[in-house]
């Protein structure tokens, strides 16, 4: 694995851990405005990072609501997009 791939992988894992801790709130559920703000934040982050990474997937779970976003390729050479079955 190249240093760039290792750094990208570490960044992705840190990003997932960060959003897991931020998004996990067992005492209360997100309001509709908070859901919209979170989705907008995820979209903005993805747009900001899309030139630096091949692909990414994010997920935030709050009680009965799941917010997920996916972007980019799981395999650039074969043009395979990131989807629910992509293994990182």
PDB file of N, CA and C in Angstrom:
ATOM      1  N   UNK A   1       0.840  -1.167   0.000  1.00  0.00           N
ATOM      2  CA  UNK A   1       0.000   0.000   0.000  1.00  0.00           C
ATOM      3  C   UNK A   1       0.893   1.241   0.000  1.00  0.00           C
ATOM      4  N   UNK A   2       0.582   2.204  -0.839  1.00  0.00           N
ATOM      5  CA  UNK A   2       1.400   3.411  -0.898  1.00  0.00           C
ATOM      6  C   UNK A   2       1.116   4.304   0.312  1.00  0.00           C
ATOM      7  N   UNK A   3       2.043   5.204   0.568  1.00  0.00           N
ATOM      8  CA  UNK A   3       1.887   6.128   1.700  1.00  0.00           C
ATOM      9  C   UNK A   3       0.637   6.978   1.547  1.00  0.00           C
ATOM     10  N   UNK A   4       0.325   7.364   0.295  1.00  0.00           N
ATOM     11  CA  UNK A   4      -0.880   8.182   0.051  1.00  0.00           C
ATOM     12  C   UNK A   4      -2.141   7.399   0.403  1.00  0.00           C
ATOM     13  N   UNK A   5      -2.190   6.137   0.032  1.00  0.00           N
ATOM     14  CA  UNK A   5      -3.374   5.316   0.341  1.00  0.00           C
ATOM     15  C   UNK A   5      -3.503   5.100   1.847  1.00  0.00           C
ATOM     16  N   UNK A   6      -2.388   4.897   2.515  1.00  0.00           N
ATOM     17  CA  UNK A   6      -2.414   4.704   3.971  1.00  0.00           C
ATOM     18  C   UNK A   6      -2.896   5.982   4.653  1.00  0.00           C
ATOM     19  N   UNK A   7      -2.386   7.121   4.208  1.00  0.00           N
ATOM     20  CA  UNK A   7      -2.803   8.402   4.794  1.00  0.00           C
ATOM     21  C   UNK A   7      -4.279   8.660   4.543  1.00  0.00           C
ATOM     22  N   UNK A   8      -4.749   8.352   3.341  1.00  0.00           N
ATOM     23  CA  UNK A   8      -6.165   8.527   3.018  1.00  0.00           C
ATOM     24  C   UNK A   8      -7.024   7.612   3.871  1.00  0.00           C
ATOM     25  N   UNK A   9      -6.592   6.374   4.056  1.00  0.00           N
ATOM     26  CA  UNK A   9      -7.335   5.418   4.868  1.00  0.00           C
ATOM     27  C   UNK A   9      -7.408   5.893   6.321  1.00  0.00           C
ATOM     28  N   UNK A  10      -6.289   6.351   6.862  1.00  0.00           N
ATOM     29  CA  UNK A  10      -6.269   6.848   8.244  1.00  0.00           C
ATOM     30  C   UNK A  10      -7.183   8.066   8.389  1.00  0.00           C
ATOM     31  N   UNK A  11      -7.155   8.956   7.417  1.00  0.00           N
ATOM     32  CA  UNK A  11      -8.018  10.133   7.439  1.00  0.00           C
ATOM     33  C   UNK A  11      -9.484   9.714   7.437  1.00  0.00           C
ATOM     34  N   UNK A  12      -9.836   8.757   6.600  1.00  0.00           N
ATOM     35  CA  UNK A  12     -11.215   8.282   6.502  1.00  0.00           C
ATOM     36  C   UNK A  12     -11.670   7.668   7.826  1.00  0.00           C
ATOM     37  N   UNK A  13     -10.844   6.858   8.441  1.00  0.00           N
ATOM     38  CA  UNK A  13     -11.192   6.233   9.721  1.00  0.00           C
ATOM     39  C   UNK A  13     -11.387   7.307  10.792  1.00  0.00           C
ATOM     40  N   UNK A  14     -10.495   8.283  10.834  1.00  0.00           N
ATOM     41  CA  UNK A  14     -10.643   9.378  11.809  1.00  0.00           C
ATOM     42  C   UNK A  14     -11.930  10.155  11.558  1.00  0.00           C
ATOM     43  N   UNK A  15     -12.246  10.389  10.298  1.00  0.00           N
ATOM     44  CA  UNK A  15     -13.481  11.091   9.953  1.00  0.00           C
ATOM     45  C   UNK A  15     -14.697  10.306  10.429  1.00  0.00           C
ATOM     46  N   UNK A  16     -14.719   9.002  10.198  1.00  0.00           N
ATOM     47  CA  UNK A  16     -15.849   8.185  10.648  1.00  0.00           C
ATOM     48  C   UNK A  16     -15.972   8.194  12.167  1.00  0.00           C
ATOM     49  N   UNK A  17     -14.853   8.076  12.864  1.00  0.00           N
ATOM     50  CA  UNK A  17     -14.891   8.111  14.325  1.00  0.00           C
ATOM     51  C   UNK A  17     -15.399   9.455  14.826  1.00  0.00           C
ATOM     52  N   UNK A  18     -14.931  10.520  14.210  1.00  0.00           N
ATOM     53  CA  UNK A  18     -15.381  11.859  14.592  1.00  0.00           C
ATOM     54  C   UNK A  18     -16.896  11.978  14.441  1.00  0.00           C
ATOM     55  N   UNK A  19     -17.427  11.589  13.302  1.00  0.00           N
ATOM     56  CA  UNK A  19     -18.868  11.719  13.071  1.00  0.00           C
ATOM     57  C   UNK A  19     -19.659  10.745  13.926  1.00  0.00           C
ATOM     58  N   UNK A  20     -19.069   9.612  14.275  1.00  0.00           N
ATOM     59  CA  UNK A  20     -19.746   8.674  15.165  1.00  0.00           C
ATOM     60  C   UNK A  20     -19.936   9.303  16.534  1.00  0.00           C
ATOM     61  N   UNK A  21     -18.886   9.930  17.061  1.00  0.00           N
ATOM     62  CA  UNK A  21     -18.995  10.557  18.376  1.00  0.00           C
ATOM     63  C   UNK A  21     -19.884  11.793  18.348  1.00  0.00           C
ATOM     64  N   UNK A  22     -19.812  12.574  17.302  1.00  0.00           N
ATOM     65  CA  UNK A  22     -20.635  13.775  17.195  1.00  0.00           C
ATOM     66  C   UNK A  22     -22.101  13.391  16.982  1.00  0.00           C
ATOM     67  N   UNK A  23     -22.340  12.416  16.142  1.00  0.00           N
ATOM     68  CA  UNK A  23     -23.706  12.049  15.769  1.00  0.00           C
ATOM     69  C   UNK A  23     -24.420  11.183  16.780  1.00  0.00           C
ATOM     70  N   UNK A  24     -23.707  10.550  17.693  1.00  0.00           N
ATOM     71  CA  UNK A  24     -24.339   9.651  18.655  1.00  0.00           C
ATOM     72  C   UNK A  24     -24.818  10.435  19.861  1.00  0.00           C
ATOM     73  N   UNK A  25     -26.106  10.430  20.081  1.00  0.00           N
ATOM     74  CA  UNK A  25     -26.701  11.153  21.203  1.00  0.00           C
ATOM     75  C   UNK A  25     -27.872  10.335  21.749  1.00  0.00           C
ATOM     76  N   UNK A  26     -27.625   9.435  22.698  1.00  0.00           N
ATOM     77  CA  UNK A  26     -28.693   8.555  23.162  1.00  0.00           C
ATOM     78  C   UNK A  26     -29.786   9.259  23.957  1.00  0.00           C
ATOM     79  N   UNK A  27     -29.512  10.453  24.506  1.00  0.00           N
ATOM     80  CA  UNK A  27     -30.496  11.135  25.330  1.00  0.00           C
ATOM     81  C   UNK A  27     -31.591  11.807  24.511  1.00  0.00           C
ATOM     82  N   UNK A  28     -31.282  12.265  23.311  1.00  0.00           N
ATOM     83  CA  UNK A  28     -32.271  12.993  22.532  1.00  0.00           C
ATOM     84  C   UNK A  28     -32.122  12.680  21.052  1.00  0.00           C
ATOM     85  N   UNK A  29     -33.156  12.967  20.313  1.00  0.00           N
ATOM     86  CA  UNK A  29     -33.089  12.792  18.870  1.00  0.00           C
ATOM     87  C   UNK A  29     -32.845  14.140  18.221  1.00  0.00           C
ATOM     88  N   UNK A  30     -32.325  14.111  17.005  1.00  0.00           N
ATOM     89  CA  UNK A  30     -32.098  15.342  16.262  1.00  0.00           C
ATOM     90  C   UNK A  30     -33.426  15.950  15.847  1.00  0.00           C
ATOM     91  N   UNK A  31     -33.491  17.257  15.900  1.00  0.00           N
ATOM     92  CA  UNK A  31     -34.660  17.934  15.356  1.00  0.00           C
ATOM     93  C   UNK A  31     -34.533  17.942  13.835  1.00  0.00           C
ATOM     94  N   UNK A  32     -35.609  18.306  13.163  1.00  0.00           N
ATOM     95  CA  UNK A  32     -35.579  18.359  11.699  1.00  0.00           C
ATOM     96  C   UNK A  32     -34.523  19.348  11.210  1.00  0.00           C
ATOM     97  N   UNK A  33     -34.409  20.491  11.877  1.00  0.00           N
ATOM     98  CA  UNK A  33     -33.398  21.480  11.492  1.00  0.00           C
ATOM     99  C   UNK A  33     -31.990  20.949  11.686  1.00  0.00           C
ATOM    100  N   UNK A  34     -31.768  20.213  12.769  1.00  0.00           N
ATOM    101  CA  UNK A  34     -30.454  19.631  13.008  1.00  0.00           C
ATOM    102  C   UNK A  34     -30.117  18.592  11.941  1.00  0.00           C
ATOM    103  N   UNK A  35     -31.115  17.806  11.527  1.00  0.00           N
ATOM    104  CA  UNK A  35     -30.894  16.831  10.450  1.00  0.00           C
ATOM    105  C   UNK A  35     -30.498  17.527   9.160  1.00  0.00           C
ATOM    106  N   UNK A  36     -31.201  18.605   8.837  1.00  0.00           N
ATOM    107  CA  UNK A  36     -30.893  19.359   7.620  1.00  0.00           C
ATOM    108  C   UNK A  36     -29.498  19.967   7.716  1.00  0.00           C
ATOM    109  N   UNK A  37     -29.165  20.536   8.874  1.00  0.00           N
ATOM    110  CA  UNK A  37     -27.830  21.117   9.070  1.00  0.00           C
ATOM    111  C   UNK A  37     -26.742  20.052   8.948  1.00  0.00           C
ATOM    112  N   UNK A  38     -26.991  18.888   9.525  1.00  0.00           N
ATOM    113  CA  UNK A  38     -26.012  17.806   9.452  1.00  0.00           C
ATOM    114  C   UNK A  38     -25.837  17.333   8.013  1.00  0.00           C
ATOM    115  N   UNK A  39     -26.932  17.141   7.301  1.00  0.00           N
ATOM    116  CA  UNK A  39     -26.836  16.726   5.903  1.00  0.00           C
ATOM    117  C   UNK A  39     -26.092  17.773   5.082  1.00  0.00           C
ATOM    118  N   UNK A  40     -26.365  19.043   5.320  1.00  0.00           N
ATOM    119  CA  UNK A  40     -25.669  20.108   4.602  1.00  0.00           C
ATOM    120  C   UNK A  40     -24.182  20.104   4.940  1.00  0.00           C
ATOM    121  N   UNK A  41     -23.848  19.860   6.202  1.00  0.00           N
ATOM    122  CA  UNK A  41     -22.444  19.784   6.608  1.00  0.00           C
ATOM    123  C   UNK A  41     -21.737  18.618   5.928  1.00  0.00           C
ATOM    124  N   UNK A  42     -22.408  17.471   5.866  1.00  0.00           N
ATOM    125  CA  UNK A  42     -21.821  16.314   5.188  1.00  0.00           C
ATOM    126  C   UNK A  42     -21.603  16.608   3.705  1.00  0.00           C
ATOM    127  N   UNK A  43     -22.601  17.193   3.058  1.00  0.00           N
ATOM    128  CA  UNK A  43     -22.486  17.540   1.646  1.00  0.00           C
ATOM    129  C   UNK A  43     -21.329  18.512   1.417  1.00  0.00           C
ATOM    130  N   UNK A  44     -21.217  19.513   2.271  1.00  0.00           N
ATOM    131  CA  UNK A  44     -20.146  20.497   2.131  1.00  0.00           C
ATOM    132  C   UNK A  44     -18.779  19.842   2.319  1.00  0.00           C
ATOM    133  N   UNK A  45     -18.666  18.957   3.299  1.00  0.00           N
ATOM    134  CA  UNK A  45     -17.397  18.266   3.538  1.00  0.00           C
ATOM    135  C   UNK A  45     -17.025  17.399   2.337  1.00  0.00           C
ATOM    136  N   UNK A  46     -17.994  16.669   1.824  1.00  0.00           N
ATOM    137  CA  UNK A  46     -17.728  15.805   0.669  1.00  0.00           C
ATOM    138  C   UNK A  46     -17.280  16.651  -0.518  1.00  0.00           C
ATOM    139  N   UNK A  47     -17.977  17.733  -0.782  1.00  0.00           N
ATOM    140  CA  UNK A  47     -17.621  18.604  -1.902  1.00  0.00           C
ATOM    141  C   UNK A  47     -16.220  19.192  -1.715  1.00  0.00           C
ATOM    142  N   UNK A  48     -15.888  19.551  -0.475  1.00  0.00           N
ATOM    143  CA  UNK A  48     -14.579  20.116  -0.163  1.00  0.00           C
ATOM    144  C   UNK A  48     -13.457  19.104  -0.363  1.00  0.00           C
ATOM    145  N   UNK A  49     -13.720  17.831  -0.071  1.00  0.00           N
ATOM    146  CA  UNK A  49     -12.682  16.803  -0.097  1.00  0.00           C
ATOM    147  C   UNK A  49     -12.642  15.980  -1.384  1.00  0.00           C
ATOM    148  N   UNK A  50     -13.605  16.139  -2.278  1.00  0.00           N
ATOM    149  CA  UNK A  50     -13.726  15.239  -3.415  1.00  0.00           C
ATOM    150  C   UNK A  50     -12.515  15.251  -4.344  1.00  0.00           C
ATOM    151  N   UNK A  51     -11.709  16.302  -4.314  1.00  0.00           N
ATOM    152  CA  UNK A  51     -10.533  16.359  -5.173  1.00  0.00           C
ATOM    153  C   UNK A  51      -9.317  15.708  -4.526  1.00  0.00           C
ATOM    154  N   UNK A  52      -9.432  15.339  -3.245  1.00  0.00           N
ATOM    155  CA  UNK A  52      -8.308  14.773  -2.508  1.00  0.00           C
ATOM    156  C   UNK A  52      -8.451  13.275  -2.252  1.00  0.00           C
ATOM    157  N   UNK A  53      -9.621  12.723  -2.515  1.00  0.00           N
ATOM    158  CA  UNK A  53      -9.865  11.322  -2.194  1.00  0.00           C
ATOM    159  C   UNK A  53     -10.522  10.614  -3.371  1.00  0.00           C
ATOM    160  N   UNK A  54     -10.383   9.306  -3.407  1.00  0.00           N
ATOM    161  CA  UNK A  54     -11.013   8.524  -4.477  1.00  0.00           C
ATOM    162  C   UNK A  54     -12.502   8.353  -4.208  1.00  0.00           C
ATOM    163  N   UNK A  55     -12.855   8.032  -2.983  1.00  0.00           N
ATOM    164  CA  UNK A  55     -14.253   7.832  -2.635  1.00  0.00           C
ATOM    165  C   UNK A  55     -14.422   7.796  -1.138  1.00  0.00           C
ATOM    166  N   UNK A  56     -15.652   8.058  -0.697  1.00  0.00           N
ATOM    167  CA  UNK A  56     -15.918   8.004   0.732  1.00  0.00           C
ATOM    168  C   UNK A  56     -17.377   7.685   0.980  1.00  0.00           C
ATOM    169  N   UNK A  57     -17.629   7.229   2.200  1.00  0.00           N
ATOM    170  CA  UNK A  57     -18.992   6.963   2.649  1.00  0.00           C
ATOM    171  C   UNK A  57     -19.103   7.470   4.079  1.00  0.00           C
ATOM    172  N   UNK A  58     -20.187   8.148   4.376  1.00  0.00           N
ATOM    173  CA  UNK A  58     -20.426   8.624   5.730  1.00  0.00           C
ATOM    174  C   UNK A  58     -21.781   8.125   6.188  1.00  0.00           C
ATOM    175  N   UNK A  59     -21.918   7.943   7.472  1.00  0.00           N
ATOM    176  CA  UNK A  59     -23.199   7.527   8.025  1.00  0.00           C
ATOM    177  C   UNK A  59     -23.345   8.112   9.427  1.00  0.00           C
ATOM    178  N   UNK A  60     -24.528   8.619   9.709  1.00  0.00           N
ATOM    179  CA  UNK A  60     -24.862   9.112  11.042  1.00  0.00           C
ATOM    180  C   UNK A  60     -26.180   8.460  11.419  1.00  0.00           C
ATOM    181  N   UNK A  61     -26.221   7.852  12.588  1.00  0.00           N
ATOM    182  CA  UNK A  61     -27.420   7.158  13.041  1.00  0.00           C
ATOM    183  C   UNK A  61     -27.924   7.846  14.300  1.00  0.00           C
ATOM    184  N   UNK A  62     -29.200   8.201  14.298  1.00  0.00           N
ATOM    185  CA  UNK A  62     -29.829   8.822  15.451  1.00  0.00           C
ATOM    186  C   UNK A  62     -31.172   8.151  15.664  1.00  0.00           C
ATOM    187  N   UNK A  63     -31.228   7.284  16.650  1.00  0.00           N
ATOM    188  CA  UNK A  63     -32.444   6.547  16.969  1.00  0.00           C
ATOM    189  C   UNK A  63     -32.992   5.860  15.720  1.00  0.00           C
ATOM    190  N   UNK A  64     -34.071   6.364  15.152  1.00  0.00           N
ATOM    191  CA  UNK A  64     -34.686   5.714  13.991  1.00  0.00           C
ATOM    192  C   UNK A  64     -34.287   6.333  12.663  1.00  0.00           C
ATOM    193  N   UNK A  65     -33.438   7.338  12.679  1.00  0.00           N
ATOM    194  CA  UNK A  65     -33.048   8.008  11.452  1.00  0.00           C
ATOM    195  C   UNK A  65     -31.609   7.687  11.082  1.00  0.00           C
ATOM    196  N   UNK A  66     -31.391   7.449   9.797  1.00  0.00           N
ATOM    197  CA  UNK A  66     -30.056   7.182   9.284  1.00  0.00           C
ATOM    198  C   UNK A  66     -29.776   8.189   8.175  1.00  0.00           C
ATOM    199  N   UNK A  67     -28.680   8.897   8.315  1.00  0.00           N
ATOM    200  CA  UNK A  67     -28.241   9.824   7.277  1.00  0.00           C
ATOM    201  C   UNK A  67     -26.961   9.248   6.703  1.00  0.00           C
ATOM    202  N   UNK A  68     -26.950   9.003   5.403  1.00  0.00           N
ATOM    203  CA  UNK A  68     -25.736   8.482   4.784  1.00  0.00           C
ATOM    204  C   UNK A  68     -25.484   9.203   3.465  1.00  0.00           C
ATOM    205  N   UNK A  69     -24.224   9.360   3.163  1.00  0.00           N
ATOM    206  CA  UNK A  69     -23.783   9.997   1.929  1.00  0.00           C
ATOM    207  C   UNK A  69     -22.613   9.199   1.387  1.00  0.00           C
ATOM    208  N   UNK A  70     -22.609   9.011   0.072  1.00  0.00           N
ATOM    209  CA  UNK A  70     -21.517   8.309  -0.589  1.00  0.00           C
ATOM    210  C   UNK A  70     -21.102   9.094  -1.820  1.00  0.00           C
ATOM    211  N   UNK A  71     -19.826   9.048  -2.113  1.00  0.00           N
ATOM    212  CA  UNK A  71     -19.327   9.802  -3.261  1.00  0.00           C
ATOM    213  C   UNK A  71     -18.041   9.170  -3.738  1.00  0.00           C
ATOM    214  N   UNK A  72     -17.830   9.167  -5.019  1.00  0.00           N
ATOM    215  CA  UNK A  72     -16.555   8.754  -5.591  1.00  0.00           C
ATOM    216  C   UNK A  72     -16.505   7.289  -5.964  1.00  0.00           C
ATOM    217  N   UNK A  73     -15.282   6.818  -6.128  1.00  0.00           N
ATOM    218  CA  UNK A  73     -15.034   5.477  -6.648  1.00  0.00           C
ATOM    219  C   UNK A  73     -14.418   4.553  -5.603  1.00  0.00           C
ATOM    220  N   UNK A  74     -14.871   3.316  -5.615  1.00  0.00           N
ATOM    221  CA  UNK A  74     -14.201   2.291  -4.821  1.00  0.00           C
ATOM    222  C   UNK A  74     -13.054   1.681  -5.624  1.00  0.00           C
ATOM    223  N   UNK A  75     -13.137   1.800  -6.958  1.00  0.00           N
ATOM    224  CA  UNK A  75     -12.075   1.339  -7.847  1.00  0.00           C
ATOM    225  C   UNK A  75     -12.009   2.322  -9.010  1.00  0.00           C
ATOM    226  N   UNK A  76     -11.005   3.181  -8.997  1.00  0.00           N
ATOM    227  CA  UNK A  76     -10.896   4.222 -10.018  1.00  0.00           C
ATOM    228  C   UNK A  76     -10.616   3.621 -11.391  1.00  0.00           C
ATOM    229  N   UNK A  77      -9.709   2.645 -11.445  1.00  0.00           N
ATOM    230  CA  UNK A  77      -9.330   2.075 -12.733  1.00  0.00           C
ATOM    231  C   UNK A  77     -10.521   1.465 -13.463  1.00  0.00           C
ATOM    232  N   UNK A  78     -11.395   0.793 -12.736  1.00  0.00           N
ATOM    233  CA  UNK A  78     -12.558   0.143 -13.350  1.00  0.00           C
ATOM    234  C   UNK A  78     -13.822   0.993 -13.252  1.00  0.00           C
ATOM    235  N   UNK A  79     -13.691   2.226 -12.726  1.00  0.00           N
ATOM    236  CA  UNK A  79     -14.806   3.175 -12.612  1.00  0.00           C
ATOM    237  C   UNK A  79     -15.990   2.584 -11.830  1.00  0.00           C
ATOM    238  N   UNK A  80     -15.689   1.903 -10.715  1.00  0.00           N
ATOM    239  CA  UNK A  80     -16.729   1.326  -9.850  1.00  0.00           C
ATOM    240  C   UNK A  80     -17.011   2.329  -8.742  1.00  0.00           C
ATOM    241  N   UNK A  81     -18.263   2.766  -8.657  1.00  0.00           N
ATOM    242  CA  UNK A  81     -18.660   3.780  -7.680  1.00  0.00           C
ATOM    243  C   UNK A  81     -18.770   3.183  -6.274  1.00  0.00           C
ATOM    244  N   UNK A  82     -18.599   4.033  -5.255  1.00  0.00           N
ATOM    245  CA  UNK A  82     -18.827   3.649  -3.867  1.00  0.00           C
ATOM    246  C   UNK A  82     -20.312   3.362  -3.703  1.00  0.00           C
ATOM    247  N   UNK A  83     -20.630   2.244  -3.050  1.00  0.00           N
ATOM    248  CA  UNK A  83     -22.038   1.936  -2.749  1.00  0.00           C
ATOM    249  C   UNK A  83     -22.130   1.276  -1.389  1.00  0.00           C
ATOM    250  N   UNK A  84     -23.317   0.778  -1.040  1.00  0.00           N
ATOM    251  CA  UNK A  84     -23.548   0.180   0.280  1.00  0.00           C
ATOM    252  C   UNK A  84     -22.691  -1.049   0.530  1.00  0.00           C
ATOM    253  N   UNK A  85     -22.191  -1.678  -0.508  1.00  0.00           N
ATOM    254  CA  UNK A  85     -21.410  -2.907  -0.359  1.00  0.00           C
ATOM    255  C   UNK A  85     -19.901  -2.673  -0.427  1.00  0.00           C
ATOM    256  N   UNK A  86     -19.474  -1.437  -0.575  1.00  0.00           N
ATOM    257  CA  UNK A  86     -18.053  -1.119  -0.661  1.00  0.00           C
ATOM    258  C   UNK A  86     -17.379  -1.402   0.678  1.00  0.00           C
ATOM    259  N   UNK A  87     -16.238  -2.086   0.597  1.00  0.00           N
ATOM    260  CA  UNK A  87     -15.435  -2.368   1.795  1.00  0.00           C
ATOM    261  C   UNK A  87     -14.254  -1.408   1.782  1.00  0.00           C
ATOM    262  N   UNK A  88     -14.097  -0.664   2.891  1.00  0.00           N
ATOM    263  CA  UNK A  88     -12.977   0.268   3.001  1.00  0.00           C
ATOM    264  C   UNK A  88     -11.904  -0.341   3.870  1.00  0.00           C
TER     265      UNK A  88
END
